[in-house]
Amino acid sequence: MQQSNTIIRLHQAIQKTGLSRSSIYALISAGKFPKQIKLSARSMGFLESEVDAWIDARIAASRKEA
């Protein structure tokens, strides 16, 4: 499977994960969420494939606990 280099913005990451903006930033600061990619002086995004991998890891972790 080829890894996607699609960049998504914060609002898309919020929609994908169901997390709030502040929760995402807290997880980034703790090293528990993919880091942003600087797109310009005032904009950032996330690699969609990294966000998807993060979601998959959360699903896998929740299934192990059950």
Protein backbone atom coordinates (compact mmCIF):
# COMPACT_ATOMS: atom_id res chain seq x y z
CA MET A 1 0.00 0.00 0.00
CA GLN A 2 1.39 3.39 -1.02
CA GLN A 3 1.62 6.04 1.66
CA SER A 4 -0.32 9.23 0.90
CA ASN A 5 1.45 12.57 1.06
CA THR A 6 -1.84 14.44 1.30
CA ILE A 7 -1.69 17.33 3.75
CA ILE A 8 -4.80 18.08 5.77
CA ARG A 9 -5.49 21.18 7.81
CA LEU A 10 -6.36 21.32 11.50
CA HIS A 11 -10.13 21.36 10.97
CA GLN A 12 -9.87 18.15 8.94
CA ALA A 13 -7.75 16.51 11.66
CA ILE A 14 -10.40 17.54 14.19
CA GLN A 15 -13.13 15.96 12.04
CA LYS A 16 -11.13 12.74 11.52
CA THR A 17 -10.23 12.24 15.18
CA GLY A 18 -13.20 13.76 16.99
CA LEU A 19 -10.76 15.62 19.24
CA SER A 20 -10.88 19.32 20.03
CA ARG A 21 -8.24 21.77 18.85
CA SER A 22 -6.82 22.10 22.36
CA SER A 23 -6.69 18.31 22.80
CA ILE A 24 -4.75 17.92 19.56
CA TYR A 25 -2.26 20.60 20.57
CA ALA A 26 -1.86 19.03 24.03
CA LEU A 27 -1.16 15.63 22.45
CA ILE A 28 1.36 17.20 20.04
CA SER A 29 3.14 18.85 22.99
CA ALA A 30 3.24 15.49 24.79
CA GLY A 31 4.64 13.78 21.68
CA LYS A 32 1.51 11.63 21.32
CA PHE A 33 0.11 13.01 18.05
CA PRO A 34 1.76 13.59 14.67
CA LYS A 35 3.60 16.91 14.43
CA GLN A 36 2.44 19.63 12.10
CA ILE A 37 4.08 20.48 8.79
CA LYS A 38 4.77 24.16 8.26
CA LEU A 39 3.21 25.17 4.94
CA SER A 40 3.88 28.91 5.07
CA ALA A 41 4.60 31.61 7.62
CA ARG A 42 1.04 31.42 8.96
CA SER A 43 -0.30 27.99 8.06
CA MET A 44 0.36 24.41 9.06
CA GLY A 45 -1.08 21.02 8.25
CA PHE A 46 -0.71 17.34 9.02
CA LEU A 47 0.17 14.39 6.84
CA GLU A 48 -3.10 12.54 6.43
CA SER A 49 -1.32 9.17 6.46
CA GLU A 50 0.23 9.96 9.88
CA VAL A 51 -3.14 10.99 11.31
CA ASP A 52 -4.73 7.83 9.90
CA ALA A 53 -1.93 5.73 11.42
CA TRP A 54 -2.50 7.45 14.78
CA ILE A 55 -6.22 6.62 14.57
CA ASP A 56 -5.43 2.99 13.66
CA ALA A 57 -3.08 2.75 16.67
CA ARG A 58 -5.82 4.07 18.99
CA ILE A 59 -8.24 1.48 17.63
CA ALA A 60 -5.70 -1.32 18.07
CA ALA A 61 -4.90 -0.21 21.62
CA SER A 62 -8.58 -0.12 22.56
CA ARG A 63 -9.13 -3.61 21.19
CA LYS A 64 -6.24 -5.05 23.24
CA GLU A 65 -7.70 -3.65 26.46
CA ALA A 66 -11.05 -5.35 25.94
